[in-house]
């Protein structure tokens, strides 16, 4: 790598680290600067820089590493709900409105027209079968007389 580029990258890293440290306001700013210098020496030597988040090696003198700061958990505000205000007059009505629709509600909606048509045809076919059965019975009675 070009030495001028290395110098520019190192300057950019230093500026970014200074901006990050100023925003954090940690007491850990001094070790981070020292670690950055050690990283620069390792990069010049061609060695990879190891960054550990959940693992702290036992032999620090053998492995040069950078310990990543633990992730910050966002603050959580507990939500309180006034049950009487939500339920109102009729608690059953609220439960109906809150209950989720069935998984196939959209399929039922899409085929509702086809089902209505099929239902009419089914009723017509059943009536036709009943009429044929009635005619057959009447013919049997006439033949029996």
N, C-alpha and C. Protein backbone atom coordinates (compact mmCIF):
# COMPACT_ATOMS: atom_id res chain seq x y z
N UNK A 1 0.84 -1.17 0.00
CA UNK A 1 0.00 0.00 0.00
C UNK A 1 0.88 1.23 0.00
N UNK A 2 0.41 2.25 -0.64
CA UNK A 2 1.14 3.51 -0.77
C UNK A 2 1.29 4.18 0.61
N UNK A 3 2.48 4.66 0.95
CA UNK A 3 2.68 5.29 2.27
C UNK A 3 1.83 6.55 2.47
N UNK A 4 1.60 7.30 1.39
CA UNK A 4 0.76 8.50 1.52
C UNK A 4 -0.68 8.11 1.86
N UNK A 5 -1.16 7.06 1.22
CA UNK A 5 -2.52 6.59 1.51
C UNK A 5 -2.63 6.09 2.94
N UNK A 6 -1.60 5.38 3.42
CA UNK A 6 -1.60 4.92 4.80
C UNK A 6 -1.70 6.10 5.76
N UNK A 7 -0.97 7.14 5.46
CA UNK A 7 -0.98 8.33 6.33
C UNK A 7 -2.36 8.98 6.32
N UNK A 8 -2.97 9.10 5.13
CA UNK A 8 -4.32 9.70 5.05
C UNK A 8 -5.33 8.86 5.81
N UNK A 9 -5.27 7.52 5.64
CA UNK A 9 -6.20 6.64 6.34
C UNK A 9 -6.00 6.74 7.86
N UNK A 10 -4.77 6.79 8.30
CA UNK A 10 -4.51 6.90 9.73
C UNK A 10 -5.06 8.22 10.27
N UNK A 11 -4.92 9.30 9.50
CA UNK A 11 -5.46 10.60 9.92
C UNK A 11 -6.98 10.56 9.98
N UNK A 12 -7.60 9.92 9.01
CA UNK A 12 -9.07 9.81 9.00
C UNK A 12 -9.56 8.98 10.19
N UNK A 13 -8.84 7.89 10.50
CA UNK A 13 -9.20 7.08 11.66
C UNK A 13 -9.06 7.88 12.95
N UNK A 14 -8.03 8.64 13.04
CA UNK A 14 -7.82 9.45 14.24
C UNK A 14 -8.93 10.48 14.40
N UNK A 15 -9.32 11.13 13.30
CA UNK A 15 -10.42 12.11 13.35
C UNK A 15 -11.73 11.43 13.75
N UNK A 16 -12.00 10.26 13.17
CA UNK A 16 -13.23 9.54 13.48
C UNK A 16 -13.24 9.10 14.94
N UNK A 17 -12.10 8.63 15.42
CA UNK A 17 -12.00 8.21 16.82
C UNK A 17 -12.17 9.40 17.75
N UNK A 18 -11.58 10.53 17.40
CA UNK A 18 -11.70 11.73 18.23
C UNK A 18 -13.16 12.20 18.26
N UNK A 19 -13.83 12.14 17.13
CA UNK A 19 -15.24 12.55 17.08
C UNK A 19 -16.09 11.58 17.89
N UNK A 20 -15.81 10.29 17.80
CA UNK A 20 -16.56 9.29 18.56
C UNK A 20 -16.31 9.41 20.05
N UNK A 21 -15.09 9.70 20.44
CA UNK A 21 -14.75 9.84 21.85
C UNK A 21 -15.38 11.10 22.41
N UNK A 22 -15.41 12.16 21.63
CA UNK A 22 -16.02 13.39 22.10
C UNK A 22 -17.52 13.20 22.30
N UNK A 23 -18.12 12.41 21.44
CA UNK A 23 -19.57 12.15 21.57
C UNK A 23 -19.85 11.24 22.75
N UNK A 24 -18.99 10.25 23.01
CA UNK A 24 -19.22 9.31 24.09
C UNK A 24 -18.94 9.93 25.45
N UNK A 25 -17.85 10.65 25.56
CA UNK A 25 -17.46 11.24 26.83
C UNK A 25 -17.03 10.20 27.84
N UNK A 26 -16.44 9.09 27.40
CA UNK A 26 -16.02 8.01 28.29
C UNK A 26 -14.67 8.32 28.92
N UNK A 27 -14.43 7.59 30.00
CA UNK A 27 -13.10 7.64 30.60
C UNK A 27 -12.18 6.66 29.89
N UNK A 28 -12.74 5.85 29.01
CA UNK A 28 -11.97 4.84 28.28
C UNK A 28 -11.34 5.42 27.02
N UNK A 29 -11.33 6.72 26.87
CA UNK A 29 -10.79 7.34 25.66
C UNK A 29 -9.28 7.15 25.55
N UNK A 30 -8.58 7.18 26.65
CA UNK A 30 -7.13 7.02 26.62
C UNK A 30 -6.73 5.62 26.18
N UNK A 31 -7.32 4.55 26.74
CA UNK A 31 -6.94 3.22 26.26
C UNK A 31 -7.30 3.00 24.80
N UNK A 32 -8.37 3.62 24.32
CA UNK A 32 -8.74 3.47 22.92
C UNK A 32 -7.68 4.09 22.02
N UNK A 33 -7.14 5.23 22.42
CA UNK A 33 -6.09 5.86 21.63
C UNK A 33 -4.84 4.98 21.62
N UNK A 34 -4.51 4.44 22.78
CA UNK A 34 -3.34 3.55 22.84
C UNK A 34 -3.57 2.31 21.97
N UNK A 35 -4.77 1.79 22.03
CA UNK A 35 -5.09 0.62 21.23
C UNK A 35 -5.02 0.94 19.75
N UNK A 36 -5.44 2.15 19.38
CA UNK A 36 -5.39 2.54 17.97
C UNK A 36 -3.94 2.61 17.48
N UNK A 37 -3.04 3.09 18.33
CA UNK A 37 -1.63 3.12 17.95
C UNK A 37 -1.10 1.70 17.77
N UNK A 38 -1.50 0.80 18.66
CA UNK A 38 -1.07 -0.60 18.54
C UNK A 38 -1.64 -1.21 17.27
N UNK A 39 -2.89 -0.86 16.93
CA UNK A 39 -3.49 -1.37 15.70
C UNK A 39 -2.71 -0.87 14.49
N UNK A 40 -2.31 0.39 14.52
CA UNK A 40 -1.54 0.95 13.41
C UNK A 40 -0.22 0.22 13.24
N UNK A 41 0.42 -0.13 14.36
CA UNK A 41 1.68 -0.87 14.29
C UNK A 41 1.45 -2.27 13.72
N UNK A 42 0.35 -2.90 14.12
CA UNK A 42 0.07 -4.24 13.61
C UNK A 42 -0.25 -4.19 12.12
N UNK A 43 -0.98 -3.17 11.69
CA UNK A 43 -1.32 -3.07 10.28
C UNK A 43 -0.08 -2.82 9.45
N UNK A 44 0.84 -2.02 9.96
CA UNK A 44 2.09 -1.79 9.23
C UNK A 44 2.90 -3.07 9.13
N UNK A 45 2.83 -3.90 10.17
CA UNK A 45 3.57 -5.16 10.16
C UNK A 45 2.85 -6.22 9.31
N UNK A 46 1.63 -5.92 8.89
CA UNK A 46 0.89 -6.86 8.06
C UNK A 46 0.11 -7.88 8.86
N UNK A 47 0.01 -7.72 10.18
CA UNK A 47 -0.72 -8.66 11.00
C UNK A 47 -2.19 -8.22 11.09
N UNK A 48 -3.09 -9.18 11.15
CA UNK A 48 -4.50 -8.80 11.26
C UNK A 48 -4.82 -8.29 12.67
N UNK A 49 -5.79 -7.39 12.77
CA UNK A 49 -6.22 -6.87 14.05
C UNK A 49 -7.44 -7.67 14.49
N UNK A 50 -7.34 -8.28 15.65
CA UNK A 50 -8.44 -9.09 16.15
C UNK A 50 -9.31 -8.23 17.06
N UNK A 51 -10.63 -8.31 16.85
CA UNK A 51 -11.56 -7.57 17.70
C UNK A 51 -12.50 -8.58 18.34
N UNK A 52 -12.52 -8.61 19.66
CA UNK A 52 -13.35 -9.56 20.39
C UNK A 52 -14.46 -8.83 21.10
N UNK A 53 -15.68 -9.33 20.98
CA UNK A 53 -16.80 -8.74 21.70
C UNK A 53 -17.12 -9.57 22.94
N UNK A 54 -17.17 -10.87 22.82
CA UNK A 54 -17.61 -11.73 23.93
C UNK A 54 -16.49 -12.62 24.45
N UNK A 55 -15.29 -12.43 24.00
CA UNK A 55 -14.21 -13.32 24.39
C UNK A 55 -13.00 -12.49 24.79
N UNK A 56 -12.50 -12.73 25.97
CA UNK A 56 -11.29 -12.06 26.42
C UNK A 56 -10.20 -13.13 26.54
N UNK A 57 -9.19 -13.09 25.65
CA UNK A 57 -8.16 -14.13 25.70
C UNK A 57 -7.37 -14.07 27.01
N UNK A 58 -6.91 -15.25 27.47
CA UNK A 58 -6.17 -15.35 28.73
C UNK A 58 -4.79 -14.75 28.57
N UNK A 59 -4.14 -15.06 27.46
CA UNK A 59 -2.77 -14.59 27.25
C UNK A 59 -2.80 -13.32 26.41
N UNK A 60 -2.94 -12.16 27.06
CA UNK A 60 -2.99 -10.89 26.33
C UNK A 60 -1.67 -10.58 25.63
N UNK A 61 -0.57 -11.05 26.22
CA UNK A 61 0.73 -10.73 25.59
C UNK A 61 0.92 -11.51 24.29
N UNK A 62 0.25 -12.65 24.16
CA UNK A 62 0.39 -13.43 22.92
C UNK A 62 -0.50 -12.87 21.81
N UNK A 63 -1.70 -12.47 22.18
CA UNK A 63 -2.66 -12.01 21.17
C UNK A 63 -2.94 -10.54 21.40
N UNK A 64 -2.59 -9.73 20.42
CA UNK A 64 -2.93 -8.31 20.47
C UNK A 64 -4.35 -8.19 19.93
N UNK A 65 -5.23 -7.61 20.71
CA UNK A 65 -6.61 -7.52 20.27
C UNK A 65 -7.25 -6.21 20.73
N UNK A 66 -8.36 -5.94 20.15
CA UNK A 66 -9.14 -4.78 20.55
C UNK A 66 -10.45 -5.30 21.11
N UNK A 67 -10.77 -4.87 22.30
CA UNK A 67 -12.01 -5.32 22.91
C UNK A 67 -13.12 -4.33 22.52
N UNK A 68 -14.15 -4.85 21.91
CA UNK A 68 -15.25 -4.02 21.45
C UNK A 68 -16.15 -3.71 22.64
N UNK A 69 -16.60 -2.47 22.71
CA UNK A 69 -17.48 -2.08 23.80
C UNK A 69 -18.79 -2.84 23.71
N UNK A 70 -19.35 -3.25 24.83
CA UNK A 70 -20.61 -3.99 24.78
C UNK A 70 -21.74 -3.11 24.25
N UNK A 71 -22.69 -3.76 23.63
CA UNK A 71 -23.81 -3.03 23.05
C UNK A 71 -24.65 -2.42 24.16
N UNK A 72 -25.17 -1.23 23.88
CA UNK A 72 -26.00 -0.54 24.86
C UNK A 72 -27.46 -0.93 24.64
N UNK A 73 -28.10 -1.33 25.70
CA UNK A 73 -29.51 -1.71 25.64
C UNK A 73 -30.35 -0.44 25.74
N UNK A 74 -31.28 -0.27 24.81
CA UNK A 74 -32.10 0.94 24.87
C UNK A 74 -33.00 0.91 26.10
N UNK A 75 -33.28 2.10 26.62
CA UNK A 75 -34.14 2.18 27.80
C UNK A 75 -35.57 1.88 27.38
N UNK A 76 -36.27 1.19 28.29
CA UNK A 76 -37.63 0.76 28.00
C UNK A 76 -38.57 1.38 29.02
N UNK A 77 -39.57 2.07 28.51
CA UNK A 77 -40.57 2.65 29.40
C UNK A 77 -41.77 1.72 29.44
N UNK A 78 -42.18 1.36 30.64
CA UNK A 78 -43.31 0.44 30.78
C UNK A 78 -44.60 1.19 30.44
N UNK A 79 -45.41 0.56 29.62
CA UNK A 79 -46.66 1.16 29.19
C UNK A 79 -47.76 0.73 30.16
N UNK A 80 -48.46 1.70 30.69
CA UNK A 80 -49.58 1.38 31.57
C UNK A 80 -50.87 1.69 30.83
N UNK A 81 -51.84 0.79 30.97
CA UNK A 81 -53.10 0.93 30.25
C UNK A 81 -54.24 0.99 31.26
N UNK A 82 -55.12 1.95 31.08
CA UNK A 82 -56.31 2.04 31.91
C UNK A 82 -57.36 1.10 31.33
N UNK A 83 -57.61 -0.02 32.03
CA UNK A 83 -58.48 -1.07 31.51
C UNK A 83 -59.90 -0.56 31.34
N UNK A 84 -60.39 0.23 32.28
CA UNK A 84 -61.76 0.74 32.18
C UNK A 84 -61.94 1.62 30.97
N UNK A 85 -60.93 2.43 30.64
CA UNK A 85 -61.04 3.32 29.48
C UNK A 85 -61.03 2.52 28.18
N UNK A 86 -60.28 1.43 28.15
CA UNK A 86 -60.20 0.62 26.93
C UNK A 86 -61.46 -0.20 26.74
N UNK A 87 -61.94 -0.83 27.82
CA UNK A 87 -63.09 -1.71 27.70
C UNK A 87 -64.38 -0.94 27.45
N UNK A 88 -64.55 0.18 28.07
CA UNK A 88 -65.76 0.96 27.87
C UNK A 88 -66.95 0.27 28.50
N UNK A 89 -68.11 0.32 27.81
CA UNK A 89 -69.35 -0.21 28.37
C UNK A 89 -69.48 -1.72 28.19
N UNK A 90 -69.14 -2.21 27.00
CA UNK A 90 -69.37 -3.62 26.69
C UNK A 90 -68.04 -4.33 26.44
N UNK A 91 -67.56 -5.13 27.40
CA UNK A 91 -66.26 -5.79 27.21
C UNK A 91 -66.27 -6.81 26.08
N UNK A 92 -67.41 -7.44 25.79
CA UNK A 92 -67.46 -8.43 24.71
C UNK A 92 -67.23 -7.78 23.35
N UNK A 93 -67.74 -6.57 23.18
CA UNK A 93 -67.56 -5.84 21.91
C UNK A 93 -66.09 -5.56 21.65
N UNK A 94 -65.36 -5.21 22.69
CA UNK A 94 -63.92 -4.94 22.54
C UNK A 94 -63.20 -6.22 22.16
N UNK A 95 -63.56 -7.35 22.78
CA UNK A 95 -62.89 -8.61 22.46
C UNK A 95 -63.14 -9.01 21.02
N UNK A 96 -64.32 -8.73 20.50
CA UNK A 96 -64.61 -9.06 19.11
C UNK A 96 -63.75 -8.22 18.18
N UNK A 97 -63.60 -6.94 18.51
CA UNK A 97 -62.81 -6.05 17.65
C UNK A 97 -61.33 -6.36 17.70
N UNK A 98 -60.85 -6.88 18.83
CA UNK A 98 -59.43 -7.15 19.00
C UNK A 98 -59.04 -8.50 18.42
N UNK A 99 -59.98 -9.45 18.40
CA UNK A 99 -59.67 -10.80 17.94
C UNK A 99 -59.23 -10.78 16.48
N UNK A 100 -58.15 -11.49 16.16
CA UNK A 100 -57.67 -11.50 14.77
C UNK A 100 -58.59 -12.32 13.87
N UNK A 101 -58.55 -12.00 12.59
CA UNK A 101 -59.34 -12.75 11.62
C UNK A 101 -58.70 -14.12 11.41
N UNK A 102 -59.49 -15.04 10.91
CA UNK A 102 -58.93 -16.36 10.62
C UNK A 102 -57.93 -16.25 9.48
N UNK A 103 -57.09 -17.24 9.38
CA UNK A 103 -55.99 -17.21 8.40
C UNK A 103 -56.50 -17.22 6.97
N UNK A 104 -57.67 -17.79 6.71
CA UNK A 104 -58.14 -17.93 5.34
C UNK A 104 -59.29 -16.97 5.01
N UNK A 105 -59.39 -15.86 5.73
CA UNK A 105 -60.50 -14.93 5.49
C UNK A 105 -60.45 -14.34 4.09
N UNK A 106 -59.26 -14.09 3.56
CA UNK A 106 -59.16 -13.50 2.23
C UNK A 106 -59.56 -14.51 1.15
N UNK A 107 -59.24 -15.79 1.37
CA UNK A 107 -59.64 -16.81 0.40
C UNK A 107 -61.16 -16.96 0.37
N UNK A 108 -61.76 -16.94 1.56
CA UNK A 108 -63.22 -17.03 1.62
C UNK A 108 -63.86 -15.84 0.92
N UNK A 109 -63.32 -14.66 1.10
CA UNK A 109 -63.85 -13.46 0.45
C UNK A 109 -63.74 -13.58 -1.07
N UNK A 110 -62.62 -14.10 -1.55
CA UNK A 110 -62.39 -14.18 -2.99
C UNK A 110 -63.31 -15.18 -3.68
N UNK A 111 -63.66 -16.26 -3.00
CA UNK A 111 -64.48 -17.29 -3.65
C UNK A 111 -65.94 -17.24 -3.23
N UNK A 112 -66.35 -16.19 -2.52
CA UNK A 112 -67.73 -16.10 -2.04
C UNK A 112 -68.73 -16.13 -3.20
N UNK A 113 -68.46 -15.43 -4.29
CA UNK A 113 -69.36 -15.42 -5.45
C UNK A 113 -69.50 -16.80 -6.07
N UNK A 114 -68.40 -17.48 -6.23
CA UNK A 114 -68.43 -18.83 -6.81
C UNK A 114 -69.20 -19.79 -5.91
N UNK A 115 -69.00 -19.66 -4.59
CA UNK A 115 -69.71 -20.54 -3.66
C UNK A 115 -71.22 -20.29 -3.71
N UNK A 116 -71.61 -19.03 -3.85
CA UNK A 116 -73.05 -18.72 -3.94
C UNK A 116 -73.65 -19.36 -5.19
N UNK A 117 -72.95 -19.26 -6.31
CA UNK A 117 -73.41 -19.86 -7.56
C UNK A 117 -73.53 -21.38 -7.42
N UNK A 118 -72.52 -21.99 -6.83
CA UNK A 118 -72.53 -23.44 -6.63
C UNK A 118 -73.66 -23.86 -5.69
N UNK A 119 -73.91 -23.05 -4.68
CA UNK A 119 -75.00 -23.36 -3.75
C UNK A 119 -76.35 -23.37 -4.47
N UNK A 120 -76.58 -22.39 -5.34
CA UNK A 120 -77.83 -22.35 -6.12
C UNK A 120 -77.93 -23.59 -7.01
N UNK A 121 -76.84 -23.96 -7.67
CA UNK A 121 -76.86 -25.13 -8.55
C UNK A 121 -77.11 -26.41 -7.74
N UNK A 122 -76.51 -26.48 -6.56
CA UNK A 122 -76.71 -27.65 -5.71
C UNK A 122 -78.17 -27.78 -5.30
N UNK A 123 -78.78 -26.67 -4.89
CA UNK A 123 -80.19 -26.67 -4.51
C UNK A 123 -81.07 -27.10 -5.68
N UNK A 124 -80.76 -26.57 -6.88
CA UNK A 124 -81.55 -26.94 -8.06
C UNK A 124 -81.41 -28.42 -8.37
N UNK A 125 -80.20 -28.97 -8.25
CA UNK A 125 -79.97 -30.39 -8.52
C UNK A 125 -80.70 -31.26 -7.49
N UNK A 126 -80.72 -30.83 -6.23
CA UNK A 126 -81.42 -31.60 -5.20
C UNK A 126 -82.92 -31.60 -5.46
N UNK A 127 -83.45 -30.46 -5.87
CA UNK A 127 -84.88 -30.39 -6.18
C UNK A 127 -85.21 -31.30 -7.35
N UNK A 128 -84.36 -31.28 -8.36
CA UNK A 128 -84.58 -32.13 -9.53
C UNK A 128 -84.56 -33.60 -9.14
N UNK A 129 -83.62 -34.02 -8.28
CA UNK A 129 -83.55 -35.40 -7.82
C UNK A 129 -84.80 -35.78 -7.02
N UNK A 130 -85.26 -34.88 -6.17
CA UNK A 130 -86.47 -35.17 -5.39
C UNK A 130 -87.69 -35.31 -6.30
N UNK A 131 -87.77 -34.46 -7.33
CA UNK A 131 -88.88 -34.56 -8.28
C UNK A 131 -88.84 -35.88 -9.03
N UNK A 132 -87.65 -36.31 -9.46
CA UNK A 132 -87.51 -37.59 -10.16
C UNK A 132 -87.91 -38.75 -9.25
N UNK A 133 -87.50 -38.69 -7.99
CA UNK A 133 -87.85 -39.74 -7.03
C UNK A 133 -89.37 -39.78 -6.82
N UNK A 134 -89.97 -38.61 -6.71
CA UNK A 134 -91.43 -38.54 -6.53
C UNK A 134 -92.16 -39.11 -7.75
N UNK A 135 -91.68 -38.79 -8.95
CA UNK A 135 -92.28 -39.33 -10.18
C UNK A 135 -92.15 -40.85 -10.21
N UNK A 136 -90.99 -41.37 -9.81
CA UNK A 136 -90.78 -42.82 -9.79
C UNK A 136 -91.75 -43.49 -8.83
N UNK A 137 -91.98 -42.92 -7.67
CA UNK A 137 -92.91 -43.48 -6.69
C UNK A 137 -94.34 -43.46 -7.23
N UNK A 138 -94.70 -42.34 -7.87
CA UNK A 138 -96.05 -42.24 -8.43
C UNK A 138 -96.26 -43.30 -9.51
N UNK A 139 -95.25 -43.52 -10.36
CA UNK A 139 -95.35 -44.54 -11.42
C UNK A 139 -95.48 -45.93 -10.80
N UNK A 140 -94.74 -46.21 -9.73
CA UNK A 140 -94.82 -47.51 -9.05
C UNK A 140 -96.22 -47.71 -8.47
N UNK A 141 -96.79 -46.65 -7.89
CA UNK A 141 -98.13 -46.76 -7.32
C UNK A 141 -99.18 -47.01 -8.42
N UNK A 142 -99.01 -46.36 -9.56
CA UNK A 142 -99.95 -46.55 -10.67
C UNK A 142 -99.85 -47.97 -11.23
N UNK A 143 -98.61 -48.49 -11.27
CA UNK A 143 -98.44 -49.85 -11.78
C UNK A 143 -98.98 -50.87 -10.77
N UNK A 144 -98.91 -50.56 -9.51
CA UNK A 144 -99.38 -51.48 -8.48
C UNK A 144 -100.90 -51.54 -8.45
N UNK A 145 -101.60 -50.55 -8.90
CA UNK A 145 -103.06 -50.53 -8.88
C UNK A 145 -103.65 -51.29 -9.96
